[in-house]
N, C-alpha and C. Protein backbone atom coordinates (compact mmCIF):
# COMPACT_ATOMS: atom_id res chain seq x y z
N MET A 1 -15.50 -1.40 -8.43
CA MET A 1 -14.81 -0.63 -7.63
C MET A 1 -13.28 -0.63 -8.08
N SER A 2 -12.74 0.75 -8.51
CA SER A 2 -11.14 0.57 -9.13
C SER A 2 -10.36 0.41 -7.86
N GLY A 3 -8.94 0.53 -8.29
CA GLY A 3 -8.10 0.35 -7.21
C GLY A 3 -7.60 2.18 -6.87
N PHE A 4 -8.28 3.05 -7.39
CA PHE A 4 -8.27 4.54 -7.32
C PHE A 4 -9.36 4.34 -5.60
N GLU A 5 -10.37 4.15 -6.62
CA GLU A 5 -11.52 4.18 -5.35
C GLU A 5 -11.13 3.62 -4.10
N LEU A 6 -10.85 1.77 -4.28
CA LEU A 6 -10.01 1.62 -3.15
C LEU A 6 -9.25 2.43 -2.42
N LEU A 7 -8.20 3.16 -2.82
CA LEU A 7 -7.68 4.13 -2.29
C LEU A 7 -7.61 4.90 -1.26
N ILE A 8 -8.37 5.71 -1.66
CA ILE A 8 -9.43 6.91 -1.31
C ILE A 8 -9.91 6.55 -0.35
N ASN A 9 -10.58 5.54 -0.51
CA ASN A 9 -11.38 4.80 1.18
C ASN A 9 -10.70 4.46 1.76
N VAL A 10 -9.30 3.32 1.48
CA VAL A 10 -8.74 3.07 3.01
C VAL A 10 -7.72 4.24 3.34
N VAL A 11 -7.33 5.32 2.09
CA VAL A 11 -6.78 6.13 3.00
C VAL A 11 -7.15 7.49 2.71
N PRO A 12 -7.69 7.26 4.16
CA PRO A 12 -8.63 8.90 3.62
C PRO A 12 -7.58 10.18 3.86
N ARG A 13 -6.44 9.97 4.88
CA ARG A 13 -5.56 11.03 5.01
C ARG A 13 -4.28 10.51 4.06
N VAL A 14 -4.11 11.14 3.66
CA VAL A 14 -2.54 10.81 3.31
C VAL A 14 -1.25 10.83 3.90
N SER A 15 -1.06 12.03 4.57
CA SER A 15 -0.58 12.02 5.52
C SER A 15 -0.01 11.33 6.81
N LYS A 16 -1.11 10.72 6.90
CA LYS A 16 -1.13 9.65 7.99
C LYS A 16 -2.10 8.33 7.84
N PRO A 17 -1.24 7.56 6.82
CA PRO A 17 -2.09 6.49 6.44
C PRO A 17 -2.43 5.53 7.79
N ALA A 18 -3.59 4.82 7.75
CA ALA A 18 -3.32 3.81 8.90
C ALA A 18 -3.16 2.84 8.06
N ILE A 19 -3.05 2.16 7.21
CA ILE A 19 -3.05 0.98 6.34
C ILE A 19 -1.85 0.95 4.85
N ALA A 20 -1.41 0.11 5.18
CA ALA A 20 -0.42 0.15 3.62
C ALA A 20 -0.85 0.03 2.80
N VAL A 21 -0.92 0.40 1.78
CA VAL A 21 -1.24 0.26 0.57
C VAL A 21 0.05 -0.08 -0.55
N ILE A 22 -0.04 -1.06 -1.24
CA ILE A 22 1.00 -1.31 -2.42
C ILE A 22 -0.48 -1.60 -3.75
N PHE A 23 -0.24 -0.36 -4.87
CA PHE A 23 -0.22 -0.76 -6.11
C PHE A 23 0.45 -1.86 -6.63
N LEU A 24 0.05 -2.72 -7.35
CA LEU A 24 0.46 -3.95 -8.18
C LEU A 24 -0.16 -3.97 -9.30
N THR A 25 0.42 -3.74 -10.23
CA THR A 25 -0.19 -3.82 -11.42
C THR A 25 0.27 -3.90 -13.27
N ARG A 26 -0.48 -3.53 -13.92
CA ARG A 26 0.22 -4.34 -15.28
C ARG A 26 0.39 -2.59 -16.37
N VAL A 27 0.03 -1.73 -15.36
CA VAL A 27 -0.20 -0.26 -16.27
C VAL A 27 1.46 0.59 -15.73
N VAL A 28 1.94 0.74 -16.67
CA VAL A 28 3.94 1.69 -16.79
C VAL A 28 3.42 3.01 -16.92
N TRP A 29 2.56 3.85 -16.91
CA TRP A 29 2.78 5.29 -17.46
C TRP A 29 2.93 5.73 -15.72
N LYS A 30 4.06 6.84 -15.80
CA LYS A 30 4.33 7.29 -14.62
C LYS A 30 3.35 8.27 -13.92
N SER A 31 2.36 8.31 -14.94
CA SER A 31 1.56 9.68 -14.10
C SER A 31 0.53 8.63 -13.40
N VAL A 32 0.39 8.13 -14.03
CA VAL A 32 -0.63 6.57 -13.01
C VAL A 32 -0.24 6.44 -11.49
N SER A 33 1.31 5.92 -11.75
CA SER A 33 2.19 5.63 -10.83
C SER A 33 2.18 7.48 -9.57
N TYR A 34 2.25 8.21 -10.20
CA TYR A 34 2.37 9.90 -9.56
C TYR A 34 0.35 9.90 -8.73
N ILE A 35 0.02 9.68 -9.43
CA ILE A 35 -1.28 9.46 -8.73
C ILE A 35 -1.61 8.80 -7.86
N ALA A 36 -0.75 7.34 -7.76
CA ALA A 36 -1.19 6.32 -6.88
C ALA A 36 -0.52 7.37 -5.13
N ILE A 37 0.96 7.11 -5.60
CA ILE A 37 1.50 8.08 -4.53
C ILE A 37 1.19 9.09 -3.49
N THR A 38 0.59 9.85 -4.98
CA THR A 38 -0.06 11.35 -4.00
C THR A 38 -0.98 10.83 -3.30
N ASN A 39 -1.48 10.22 -3.75
CA ASN A 39 -3.09 9.63 -2.23
C ASN A 39 -3.05 8.47 -2.00
N GLY A 40 -1.82 8.56 -1.29
CA GLY A 40 -1.88 7.23 -0.17
C GLY A 40 -0.76 5.97 -0.32
N ALA A 41 -1.06 6.01 -1.77
CA ALA A 41 0.06 4.58 -2.28
C ALA A 41 1.23 4.74 -1.37
N GLN A 42 1.66 3.73 -0.90
CA GLN A 42 2.89 3.43 -0.30
C GLN A 42 4.18 2.92 -0.90
N ALA A 43 3.10 2.90 -2.22
CA ALA A 43 4.23 1.96 -3.27
C ALA A 43 3.48 1.72 -4.50
N TYR A 44 4.23 1.68 -5.64
CA TYR A 44 3.66 1.48 -7.32
C TYR A 44 4.74 0.64 -7.72
N LEU A 45 4.23 -0.69 -8.24
CA LEU A 45 4.57 -1.49 -8.86
C LEU A 45 4.37 -2.34 -9.69
N VAL A 46 4.70 -2.38 -10.96
CA VAL A 46 4.05 -3.26 -12.14
C VAL A 46 4.95 -4.62 -12.39
N LYS A 47 3.83 -5.29 -12.46
CA LYS A 47 3.36 -7.08 -11.82
C LYS A 47 5.28 -7.22 -12.94
N ARG A 48 5.15 -7.62 -14.45
CA ARG A 48 5.73 -7.78 -15.18
C ARG A 48 7.46 -7.92 -14.98
N PHE A 49 7.52 -6.33 -13.94
CA PHE A 49 8.90 -6.08 -13.05
C PHE A 49 9.23 -6.10 -11.81
N THR A 50 8.18 -6.84 -11.75
CA THR A 50 8.70 -6.75 -10.34
C THR A 50 8.65 -8.91 -9.61
N SER A 51 9.77 -8.46 -9.14
CA SER A 51 10.13 -10.50 -8.76
C SER A 51 8.75 -10.49 -7.41
N GLY A 52 8.70 -11.88 -6.87
CA GLY A 52 8.16 -12.07 -5.94
C GLY A 52 9.02 -12.03 -4.31
N ASP A 53 10.65 -12.04 -4.40
CA ASP A 53 11.72 -11.51 -3.95
C ASP A 53 11.33 -9.87 -3.59
N GLU A 54 11.30 -8.79 -4.48
CA GLU A 54 11.53 -7.64 -4.54
C GLU A 54 9.67 -7.26 -3.32
N LEU A 55 8.53 -7.79 -4.33
CA LEU A 55 7.00 -8.08 -3.28
C LEU A 55 7.37 -8.40 -1.67
N THR A 56 8.02 -8.96 -1.56
CA THR A 56 8.24 -9.33 -0.04
C THR A 56 8.60 -8.23 0.57
N GLN A 57 9.94 -7.85 -0.38
CA GLN A 57 10.79 -6.64 0.63
C GLN A 57 10.15 -5.65 1.08
N ILE A 58 9.05 -4.74 -0.49
CA ILE A 58 8.34 -3.66 0.05
C ILE A 58 7.33 -3.93 0.80
N ILE A 59 6.71 -5.30 0.84
CA ILE A 59 5.57 -5.35 1.75
C ILE A 59 6.21 -5.18 3.25
N SER A 60 7.37 -5.66 3.46
CA SER A 60 8.13 -5.89 4.51
C SER A 60 8.53 -4.14 5.02
N LYS A 61 8.77 -3.08 3.93
CA LYS A 61 9.54 -1.84 4.20
C LYS A 61 7.48 -1.01 4.19
N VAL A 62 6.52 -1.08 3.89
CA VAL A 62 5.37 -0.42 4.00
C VAL A 62 4.84 -0.61 4.90
N ILE A 63 4.70 -1.55 5.31
CA ILE A 63 4.29 -1.80 6.71
C ILE A 63 5.09 -1.76 7.78
N ALA A 64 6.30 -1.27 7.91
CA ALA A 64 7.45 -0.39 8.75
C ALA A 64 7.23 1.00 8.80
N ARG A 65 6.78 1.38 7.86
CA ARG A 65 6.59 2.59 7.84
C ARG A 65 5.73 3.20 7.82
N VAL A 66 4.02 2.61 7.64
CA VAL A 66 3.16 2.93 8.91
C VAL A 66 2.80 2.29 10.09
N GLY A 67 3.48 1.34 9.78
CA GLY A 67 3.17 0.91 11.45
C GLY A 67 2.03 -0.05 11.42
N PRO A 68 1.66 -0.39 12.88
CA PRO A 68 0.89 -1.87 12.87
C PRO A 68 -0.09 -1.37 13.23
N THR A 69 -1.14 -2.08 12.56
CA THR A 69 -2.90 -1.66 12.74
C THR A 69 -3.83 -1.73 13.70
N GLN A 70 -4.47 -1.87 13.72
CA GLN A 70 -5.16 -1.50 14.83
C GLN A 70 -5.64 -2.99 15.17
N LYS A 71 -5.98 -3.84 14.14
CA LYS A 71 -6.06 -5.69 15.11
C LYS A 71 -4.81 -5.68 15.56
N ASP A 72 -3.63 -5.33 14.58
CA ASP A 72 -2.09 -5.62 15.19
C ASP A 72 -1.66 -5.48 16.61
N ARG A 73 -2.25 -4.46 17.36
CA ARG A 73 -2.39 -3.84 18.52
C ARG A 73 -2.80 -4.22 19.36
N LEU A 74 -4.04 -5.61 18.95
CA LEU A 74 -4.47 -6.06 20.14
C LEU A 74 -3.84 -7.11 20.52
N PRO A 75 -4.37 -7.15 22.10
CA PRO A 75 -2.86 -8.53 22.71
C PRO A 75 -3.69 -9.94 22.15
N SER A 76 -2.69 -10.69 21.63
CA SER A 76 -3.27 -12.13 21.32
C SER A 76 -4.27 -12.76 22.21
N TRP A 77 -4.34 -12.65 23.27
CA TRP A 77 -5.33 -13.46 24.20
C TRP A 77 -6.62 -12.62 23.72
N SER A 78 -7.14 -11.75 22.82
CA SER A 78 -8.55 -10.84 22.97
C SER A 78 -8.89 -11.12 21.00
N SER A 79 -7.83 -12.55 20.47
CA SER A 79 -8.32 -12.58 19.16
C SER A 79 -9.05 -14.03 19.30
């Protein structure tokens, strides 16, 4: 399965994603970035231009933007 197939499967409603998706790729093409973002990816990062610190910051930002998942909303005693 390609990254785009995965994106479409996990983010069926682009306007209201239930999960944060970050594309981390080696592809630098703006057209690919545009397609990823318009189809539900919260961020598009190019591996050789992204540090571990930047990735950590982006992960925090997109999770905050999308919100907690259903699993995260469960009480800790139910896990």
